[in-house]
Amino acid sequence: MTDLFSKFDPLIAEREALLATGVRDPYGMVMEKVLSPTEAIINGKRIILLGTYNYMGMTFDPDVIAAGKAALDAFGSGTTGSRVLNGTYQGHKECEEALMEYYGTEHAIVFSTGYQANLGMISTLAGKGDYIILDADSHASIYDGCWLGNAEVVRFRHNSVEDLDKRLGRLPAEAGKLVVLEGVYSMMGDIAPLKEMVAVAKKHGAMILVDEAHGMGFFGEHGRGVFEEAGVEAEVDFVVGTFSKSVGTVGGFCVSNHPKFEVLRLVCRPYVFTASLPPSVVATAATSIRKLMHAGEKRAHLWKNSRRLHQGLREMGYKLGTETAQSAIIAVILTDMAQAVALWQELLEAGLYVNTARPPATPAGMFLLRCSLCAEHTDAQVDEILRIFHSAGVATRVIS
């Protein structure tokens, strides 16, 4: 009998060899207690968090927490049903109303996760005979949305406007086409040239979906995302996002002005056939979204933190994923997994938690530590982060 796990043997062997050197498992960390958006207890020690997507620091906002507690008391712990059955409570509608107000759109639909939002929207919009054109570095949820549907999938080189134009030009003019882009790419923290890409997509008659999971909250005048900052709000057909980054809870959504949008509630399988979010979750999301409408000072401080950390790491000699700070994500590029884990552990023992990332999450052959800044990181914390990176980098000989 063939062992269905045998295909994972190379990965198992690599992991066992790495752990045999005495390093901790970078994917087995437990947050014993979370003290704030920027600090937690890990292995019994107080640690600065630089490996979360809590960009706007909303997880401990008093109004957000109070809204969740009130909904828990009023509506119970869960809905036990799909949105199309008994799973739509008043809170779900209020959350969708908050999204429509935040984005200035006519329609909003809430999914149980951001992953499901991409899975549902992409697989439902593009079907047999249609084409999905996506960036080669797209998130796994985007690829899985493609595979769930029956459309033809065409990839273009990462952030290449020229390649997007060329590949769209090869497709049948009369075919349905959906171009899928991301505002911020989560591994390297780089942003898409949305203004140019949207123009190319419209030239070829394609509809456009932009994933703003990592851009919502701090890009654009209203914090709507990179597409707002690029001035292409009127041209983008669908914006997908998540509650698990800047909003500070869990869930996903899509907003749009398309007049037929509401039919998705009847035909989108990841929406129809899964339980809806608990009332306490949508209450926290709606409250957070409404507060993010007035978070200009927070956005400015987050950008200050990002630029300070990026400049400081570059001056130390670290190789980074982007030449300048393009988002709240800063990728530190390492030579291999052993070096990445050694630096990760040295940082952790010195009081700093970051994420390790490797293929297939990253491009082939790339290993990195991913830093995610928060609007609640103080100037003193950023100073400490830089100090720890310097001492850890010297100790592991990543920098001199």
Protein backbone atom coordinates (compact mmCIF):
# COMPACT_ATOMS: atom_id res chain seq x y z
CA MET A 1 0.00 0.00 0.00
CA THR A 2 1.33 3.45 -0.92
CA ASP A 3 1.71 5.78 2.03
CA LEU A 4 0.05 9.02 1.00
CA PHE A 5 2.45 10.90 3.26
CA SER A 6 5.54 9.72 1.38
CA LYS A 7 5.48 12.74 -0.90
CA PHE A 8 6.29 14.88 2.14
CA ASP A 9 9.37 12.85 3.13
CA PRO A 10 11.94 15.37 1.81
CA LEU A 11 10.34 18.16 3.83
CA ILE A 12 10.12 15.96 6.94
CA ALA A 13 13.80 15.03 6.62
CA GLU A 14 14.83 18.67 6.16
CA ARG A 15 12.85 19.74 9.22
CA GLU A 16 14.22 16.93 11.38
CA ALA A 17 17.79 17.76 10.34
CA LEU A 18 17.25 21.40 11.20
CA LEU A 19 15.74 20.65 14.64
CA ALA A 20 18.57 18.21 15.35
CA THR A 21 20.94 21.20 15.41
CA GLY A 22 19.18 22.41 18.56
CA VAL A 23 17.13 25.31 17.13
CA ARG A 24 13.52 25.84 18.09
CA ASP A 25 10.71 25.07 15.67
CA PRO A 26 9.92 28.46 14.07
CA TYR A 27 6.44 27.24 13.09
CA GLY A 28 5.52 25.87 16.52
CA MET A 29 5.50 29.04 18.60
CA VAL A 30 2.82 29.48 21.26
CA MET A 31 1.74 32.88 22.52
CA GLU A 32 1.29 32.10 26.22
CA LYS A 33 -0.20 35.52 26.87
CA VAL A 34 -0.74 38.53 24.61
CA LEU A 35 -0.23 41.76 26.53
CA SER A 36 -0.95 44.32 23.80
CA PRO A 37 -0.80 44.64 20.01
CA THR A 38 3.00 44.85 20.30
CA GLU A 39 3.98 42.57 23.21
CA ALA A 40 3.41 38.99 24.33
CA ILE A 41 4.77 36.33 26.66
CA ILE A 42 6.61 33.59 24.73
CA ASN A 43 8.63 30.88 26.49
CA GLY A 44 8.01 32.73 29.74
CA LYS A 45 9.63 35.95 28.48
CA ARG A 46 8.25 39.34 27.51
CA ILE A 47 8.71 39.68 23.74
CA ILE A 48 8.20 42.54 21.27
CA LEU A 49 5.92 41.36 18.45
CA LEU A 50 7.18 42.16 14.96
CA GLY A 51 5.59 39.15 13.29
CA THR A 52 1.87 39.89 13.28
CA TYR A 53 -0.36 41.62 10.74
CA ASN A 54 -1.89 43.79 13.44
CA TYR A 55 -1.00 46.86 11.38
CA MET A 56 -3.33 49.34 13.05
CA GLY A 57 -3.19 47.80 16.53
CA MET A 58 -6.95 47.35 16.85
CA THR A 59 -6.96 44.05 18.76
CA PHE A 60 -6.96 45.73 22.17
CA ASP A 61 -8.98 48.83 21.29
CA PRO A 62 -11.45 49.32 24.19
CA ASP A 63 -14.43 50.11 21.93
CA VAL A 64 -13.75 47.06 19.76
CA ILE A 65 -13.52 44.76 22.78
CA ALA A 66 -16.66 46.23 24.34
CA ALA A 67 -18.63 45.67 21.11
CA GLY A 68 -17.57 42.02 21.03
CA LYS A 69 -18.54 41.44 24.65
CA ALA A 70 -21.95 43.05 24.16
CA ALA A 71 -22.69 40.93 21.09
CA LEU A 72 -21.60 37.78 22.88
CA ASP A 73 -24.04 38.51 25.69
CA ALA A 74 -26.90 39.49 23.36
CA PHE A 75 -26.58 36.90 20.58
CA GLY A 76 -24.58 34.00 22.01
CA SER A 77 -21.36 32.36 20.89
CA GLY A 78 -22.21 31.42 17.30
CA THR A 79 -24.86 31.26 14.58
CA THR A 80 -24.66 27.53 13.78
CA GLY A 81 -25.76 28.29 10.24
CA SER A 82 -24.93 29.57 6.78
CA ARG A 83 -25.62 33.15 5.79
CA VAL A 84 -28.38 31.98 3.41
CA LEU A 85 -30.15 30.01 6.16
CA ASN A 86 -30.18 31.11 9.81
CA GLY A 87 -26.69 32.62 9.82
CA THR A 88 -27.44 36.26 9.04
CA TYR A 89 -27.83 38.24 12.26
CA GLN A 90 -28.25 41.98 12.56
CA GLY A 91 -24.53 42.25 13.22
CA HIS A 92 -23.65 40.77 9.82
CA LYS A 93 -25.73 43.41 8.06
CA GLU A 94 -24.22 46.17 10.22
CA CYS A 95 -20.74 44.94 9.36
CA GLU A 96 -21.55 45.04 5.64
CA GLU A 97 -22.99 48.53 6.07
CA ALA A 98 -19.76 49.63 7.77
CA LEU A 99 -17.77 48.26 4.82
CA MET A 100 -19.96 50.08 2.29
CA GLU A 101 -19.48 53.31 4.22
CA TYR A 102 -15.73 52.77 4.54
CA TYR A 103 -15.23 52.01 0.84
CA GLY A 104 -18.00 54.22 -0.55
CA THR A 105 -19.54 51.32 -2.47
CA GLU A 106 -23.09 50.12 -3.13
CA HIS A 107 -22.47 46.52 -2.11
CA ALA A 108 -20.51 44.48 0.44
CA ILE A 109 -20.47 40.80 1.27
CA VAL A 110 -18.81 39.26 4.34
CA PHE A 111 -17.15 35.84 4.26
CA SER A 112 -15.99 33.72 7.18
CA THR A 113 -12.28 34.26 6.32
CA GLY A 114 -10.23 36.34 3.92
CA TYR A 115 -9.09 33.09 2.31
CA GLN A 116 -12.71 32.19 1.57
CA ALA A 117 -13.33 35.65 0.14
CA ASN A 118 -10.75 35.06 -2.60
CA LEU A 119 -11.78 31.43 -3.00
CA GLY A 120 -15.41 32.40 -3.42
CA MET A 121 -15.12 35.50 -5.55
CA ILE A 122 -12.59 34.18 -8.06
CA SER A 123 -14.12 30.73 -8.52
CA THR A 124 -17.62 32.19 -8.93
CA LEU A 125 -16.84 35.14 -11.21
CA ALA A 126 -14.75 33.30 -13.81
CA GLY A 127 -16.10 30.04 -15.23
CA LYS A 128 -15.69 27.76 -18.20
CA GLY A 129 -14.57 29.69 -21.28
CA ASP A 130 -13.37 32.66 -19.19
CA TYR A 131 -9.81 33.64 -18.35
CA ILE A 132 -8.19 34.60 -15.04
CA ILE A 133 -5.00 36.61 -15.45
CA LEU A 134 -2.96 36.80 -12.27
CA ASP A 135 0.42 37.88 -10.97
CA ALA A 136 2.81 34.92 -10.67
CA ASP A 137 3.47 35.82 -7.01
CA SER A 138 -0.20 35.80 -6.04
CA HIS A 139 -1.33 34.54 -2.64
CA ALA A 140 -2.28 30.86 -2.20
CA SER A 141 -5.95 31.79 -1.73
CA ILE A 142 -5.97 33.41 -5.18
CA TYR A 143 -4.44 30.34 -6.80
CA ASP A 144 -6.88 28.08 -4.98
CA GLY A 145 -9.78 30.25 -6.16
CA CYS A 146 -8.55 29.67 -9.71
CA TRP A 147 -8.29 25.90 -9.21
CA LEU A 148 -11.76 25.69 -7.66
CA GLY A 149 -13.31 27.24 -10.77
CA ASN A 150 -13.23 26.15 -14.40
CA ALA A 151 -11.62 29.20 -16.00
CA GLU A 152 -8.35 29.16 -17.94
CA VAL A 153 -5.51 30.55 -15.82
CA VAL A 154 -2.83 32.84 -17.29
CA ARG A 155 0.09 34.05 -15.16
CA PHE A 156 2.23 37.11 -15.85
CA ARG A 157 5.61 38.08 -14.40
CA HIS A 158 5.44 39.69 -10.98
CA ASN A 159 4.51 43.38 -11.19
CA SER A 160 5.28 43.49 -14.95
CA VAL A 161 2.89 45.83 -16.73
CA GLU A 162 4.47 44.89 -20.06
CA ASP A 163 3.95 41.15 -19.53
CA LEU A 164 0.35 41.70 -18.39
CA ASP A 165 -0.31 43.69 -21.57
CA LYS A 166 1.29 41.02 -23.76
CA ARG A 167 -0.62 38.12 -22.23
CA LEU A 168 -3.96 39.92 -22.31
CA GLY A 169 -3.33 40.75 -25.97
CA ARG A 170 -3.07 37.05 -26.82
CA LEU A 171 -6.51 36.19 -25.43
CA PRO A 172 -9.74 36.12 -27.48
CA ALA A 173 -11.24 39.60 -27.50
CA GLU A 174 -14.77 38.30 -26.86
CA ALA A 175 -13.84 36.08 -23.88
CA GLY A 176 -14.63 37.01 -20.30
CA LYS A 177 -11.46 38.09 -18.50
CA LEU A 178 -10.73 38.74 -14.82
CA VAL A 179 -7.41 40.33 -13.86
CA VAL A 180 -6.50 39.60 -10.24
CA LEU A 181 -3.98 41.88 -8.51
CA GLU A 182 -2.80 42.53 -4.97
CA GLY A 183 -2.21 45.99 -3.56
CA VAL A 184 0.60 44.80 -1.28
CA TYR A 185 2.38 41.48 -1.76
CA SER A 186 2.71 39.85 1.63
CA MET A 187 6.12 38.19 1.35
CA MET A 188 8.31 41.06 0.13
CA GLY A 189 6.08 43.96 1.14
CA ASP A 190 6.21 45.47 -2.34
CA ILE A 191 3.22 47.18 -3.92
CA ALA A 192 1.69 46.71 -7.35
CA PRO A 193 1.82 49.45 -10.02
CA LEU A 194 -1.97 49.52 -9.98
CA LYS A 195 -2.47 52.69 -12.02
CA GLU A 196 -0.64 51.25 -15.03
CA MET A 197 -2.00 47.73 -14.60
CA VAL A 198 -5.60 48.86 -14.34
CA ALA A 199 -5.19 50.92 -17.53
CA VAL A 200 -3.84 47.87 -19.38
CA ALA A 201 -6.62 45.62 -18.09
CA LYS A 202 -9.32 48.06 -19.16
CA LYS A 203 -7.72 48.47 -22.57
CA HIS A 204 -8.26 44.75 -23.13
CA GLY A 205 -11.82 44.72 -21.77
CA ALA A 206 -11.04 42.83 -18.56
CA MET A 207 -12.74 43.16 -15.19
CA ILE A 208 -10.42 43.78 -12.23
CA LEU A 209 -10.30 42.34 -8.73
CA VAL A 210 -7.78 43.80 -6.27
CA ASP A 211 -6.90 42.07 -3.02
CA GLU A 212 -6.21 44.77 -0.42
CA ALA A 213 -5.61 42.44 2.55
CA HIS A 214 -2.29 44.11 3.35
CA GLY A 215 -3.16 47.60 2.14
CA MET A 216 -6.41 48.30 3.98
CA GLY A 217 -6.07 50.72 6.86
CA PHE A 218 -3.03 52.78 5.92
CA PHE A 219 -2.86 53.38 2.14
CA GLY A 220 -4.86 56.22 0.61
CA GLU A 221 -6.63 59.24 2.02
CA HIS A 222 -9.32 57.11 3.67
CA GLY A 223 -7.14 54.05 4.30
CA ARG A 224 -8.94 51.98 1.67
CA GLY A 225 -5.80 50.57 0.12
CA VAL A 226 -3.26 50.92 -2.65
CA PHE A 227 -6.02 51.19 -5.26
CA GLU A 228 -7.26 54.36 -3.55
CA GLU A 229 -3.77 55.83 -3.37
CA ALA A 230 -3.29 55.01 -7.07
CA GLY A 231 -6.50 56.86 -7.96
CA VAL A 232 -8.18 53.89 -9.66
CA GLU A 233 -11.21 53.41 -7.41
CA ALA A 234 -13.66 54.05 -10.26
CA GLU A 235 -11.97 51.49 -12.54
CA VAL A 236 -11.62 48.56 -10.09
CA ASP A 237 -14.64 46.25 -10.18
CA PHE A 238 -14.08 44.24 -6.98
CA VAL A 239 -12.02 44.80 -3.84
CA VAL A 240 -11.36 41.82 -1.59
CA GLY A 241 -10.03 42.18 1.92
CA THR A 242 -9.73 40.60 5.32
CA PHE A 243 -10.52 41.44 8.92
CA SER A 244 -7.43 39.59 10.19
CA LYS A 245 -4.92 42.35 9.45
CA SER A 246 -5.70 46.03 10.06
CA VAL A 247 -9.22 45.36 11.36
CA GLY A 248 -7.82 43.12 14.10
CA THR A 249 -10.24 40.17 14.14
CA VAL A 250 -11.08 37.44 11.60
CA GLY A 251 -13.21 37.28 8.45
CA GLY A 252 -13.14 38.37 4.83
CA PHE A 253 -15.15 40.54 2.47
CA CYS A 254 -15.66 41.87 -1.01
CA VAL A 255 -17.02 45.30 -1.93
CA SER A 256 -18.23 46.42 -5.35
CA ASN A 257 -20.50 48.78 -7.25
CA HIS A 258 -21.53 46.18 -9.84
CA PRO A 259 -25.35 46.29 -10.19
CA LYS A 260 -25.68 42.47 -10.24
CA PHE A 261 -23.39 41.89 -7.25
CA GLU A 262 -26.06 40.60 -4.83
CA VAL A 263 -26.64 37.43 -6.89
CA LEU A 264 -23.34 36.18 -5.45
CA ARG A 265 -25.19 35.38 -2.22
CA LEU A 266 -27.00 32.60 -4.11
CA VAL A 267 -24.21 31.20 -6.30
CA CYS A 268 -20.93 31.61 -4.38
CA ARG A 269 -20.25 28.21 -2.80
CA PRO A 270 -17.73 29.30 -0.09
CA TYR A 271 -20.38 31.81 1.06
CA VAL A 272 -23.44 29.55 0.78
CA PHE A 273 -22.03 26.36 2.25
CA THR A 274 -20.18 27.47 5.38
CA ALA A 275 -21.22 28.77 8.79
CA SER A 276 -21.28 32.52 9.24
CA LEU A 277 -18.99 34.44 11.56
CA PRO A 278 -19.97 34.54 15.27
CA PRO A 279 -21.91 37.67 16.32
CA SER A 280 -19.06 38.83 18.56
CA VAL A 281 -16.63 38.74 15.60
CA VAL A 282 -18.75 40.82 13.22
CA ALA A 283 -19.46 43.29 16.04
CA THR A 284 -15.73 43.81 16.65
CA ALA A 285 -15.12 44.08 12.90
CA ALA A 286 -17.83 46.71 12.34
CA THR A 287 -16.61 48.79 15.28
CA SER A 288 -12.99 48.59 14.15
CA ILE A 289 -13.84 49.50 10.54
CA ARG A 290 -15.74 52.59 11.64
CA LYS A 291 -12.81 53.69 13.82
CA LEU A 292 -10.35 53.14 10.97
CA MET A 293 -12.24 55.84 9.03
CA HIS A 294 -10.71 58.36 11.42
CA ALA A 295 -7.24 56.87 11.93
CA GLY A 296 -5.09 59.41 10.11
CA GLU A 297 -2.65 59.86 12.99
CA LYS A 298 -2.23 56.12 13.35
CA ARG A 299 -1.52 55.78 9.62
CA ALA A 300 1.14 58.48 9.81
CA HIS A 301 2.84 56.82 12.79
CA LEU A 302 2.83 53.42 11.07
CA TRP A 303 4.56 54.89 8.02
CA LYS A 304 7.11 56.57 10.30
CA ASN A 305 7.83 53.21 11.98
CA SER A 306 8.20 51.45 8.64
CA ARG A 307 10.63 53.99 7.19
CA ARG A 308 12.72 54.06 10.39
CA LEU A 309 13.07 50.28 10.54
CA HIS A 310 13.80 49.89 6.83
CA GLN A 311 16.48 52.57 6.87
CA GLY A 312 18.03 51.24 10.07
CA LEU A 313 18.27 47.66 8.79
CA ARG A 314 19.76 48.78 5.48
CA GLU A 315 22.38 50.86 7.23
CA MET A 316 23.36 47.81 9.31
CA GLY A 317 23.99 45.85 6.12
CA TYR A 318 20.92 43.65 5.94
CA LYS A 319 19.65 42.66 2.49
CA LEU A 320 15.98 43.74 2.24
CA GLY A 321 13.21 42.83 -0.16
CA THR A 322 12.63 46.40 -1.37
CA GLU A 323 14.89 49.40 -1.94
CA THR A 324 12.62 51.65 0.10
CA ALA A 325 9.85 51.11 2.64
CA GLN A 326 6.82 50.42 0.44
CA SER A 327 4.43 49.08 3.10
CA ALA A 328 4.30 47.93 6.73
CA ILE A 329 6.05 44.68 5.70
CA ILE A 330 9.85 44.53 5.60
CA ALA A 331 11.50 41.34 4.33
CA VAL A 332 15.03 40.46 5.47
CA ILE A 333 16.56 38.16 2.83
CA LEU A 334 18.78 35.28 4.00
CA THR A 335 20.89 32.72 2.12
CA ASP A 336 19.17 29.52 3.28
CA MET A 337 16.77 28.07 5.85
CA ALA A 338 19.51 27.33 8.37
CA GLN A 339 20.67 30.95 8.39
CA ALA A 340 17.09 32.21 8.56
CA VAL A 341 16.22 30.02 11.55
CA ALA A 342 19.50 30.83 13.33
CA LEU A 343 18.81 34.57 13.07
CA TRP A 344 15.15 34.05 13.99
CA GLN A 345 16.10 32.18 17.17
CA GLU A 346 18.75 34.74 18.13
CA LEU A 347 16.16 37.52 17.75
CA LEU A 348 13.62 35.60 19.82
CA GLU A 349 16.04 34.92 22.64
CA ALA A 350 16.93 38.62 22.66
CA GLY A 351 13.25 39.58 22.99
CA LEU A 352 11.93 40.00 19.41
CA TYR A 353 9.49 37.80 17.46
CA VAL A 354 9.43 37.86 13.64
CA ASN A 355 8.18 35.37 11.03
CA THR A 356 10.27 32.95 9.03
CA ALA A 357 9.20 32.30 5.44
CA ARG A 358 10.40 29.81 2.86
CA PRO A 359 9.21 28.26 -0.42
CA PRO A 360 6.47 27.68 -1.45
CA ALA A 361 5.26 30.77 0.42
CA THR A 362 8.21 32.68 -1.05
CA PRO A 363 9.60 32.62 -4.60
CA ALA A 364 11.73 29.56 -5.38
CA GLY A 365 14.99 29.45 -3.46
CA MET A 366 14.21 32.47 -1.27
CA PHE A 367 14.37 32.39 2.52
CA LEU A 368 13.51 35.40 4.62
CA LEU A 369 12.44 36.86 7.92
CA ARG A 370 9.31 38.95 7.57
CA CYS A 371 8.76 41.95 9.81
CA SER A 372 5.27 43.42 10.16
CA LEU A 373 5.09 46.81 11.82
CA CYS A 374 2.22 48.13 13.91
CA ALA A 375 0.88 51.63 14.45
CA GLU A 376 1.15 50.92 18.19
CA HIS A 377 4.90 50.32 18.15
CA THR A 378 6.39 53.21 20.11
CA ASP A 379 9.54 55.07 19.11
CA ALA A 380 11.29 53.36 22.02
CA GLN A 381 10.19 49.94 20.78
CA VAL A 382 11.53 50.66 17.29
CA ASP A 383 14.84 51.69 18.90
CA GLU A 384 14.90 48.37 20.77
CA ILE A 385 14.00 46.41 17.62
CA LEU A 386 16.95 47.95 15.78
CA ARG A 387 19.28 47.25 18.70
CA ILE A 388 18.21 43.59 18.82
CA PHE A 389 18.58 43.18 15.05
CA HIS A 390 22.11 44.56 15.24
CA SER A 391 23.26 42.30 18.07
CA ALA A 392 21.56 39.22 16.61
CA GLY A 393 22.93 39.88 13.14
CA VAL A 394 26.48 40.16 14.44
CA ALA A 395 26.09 37.04 16.62
CA THR A 396 24.92 34.96 13.66
CA ARG A 397 27.39 36.60 11.25
CA VAL A 398 24.59 37.75 8.95
CA ILE A 399 26.05 41.24 9.25
CA SER A 400 29.47 42.36 10.45
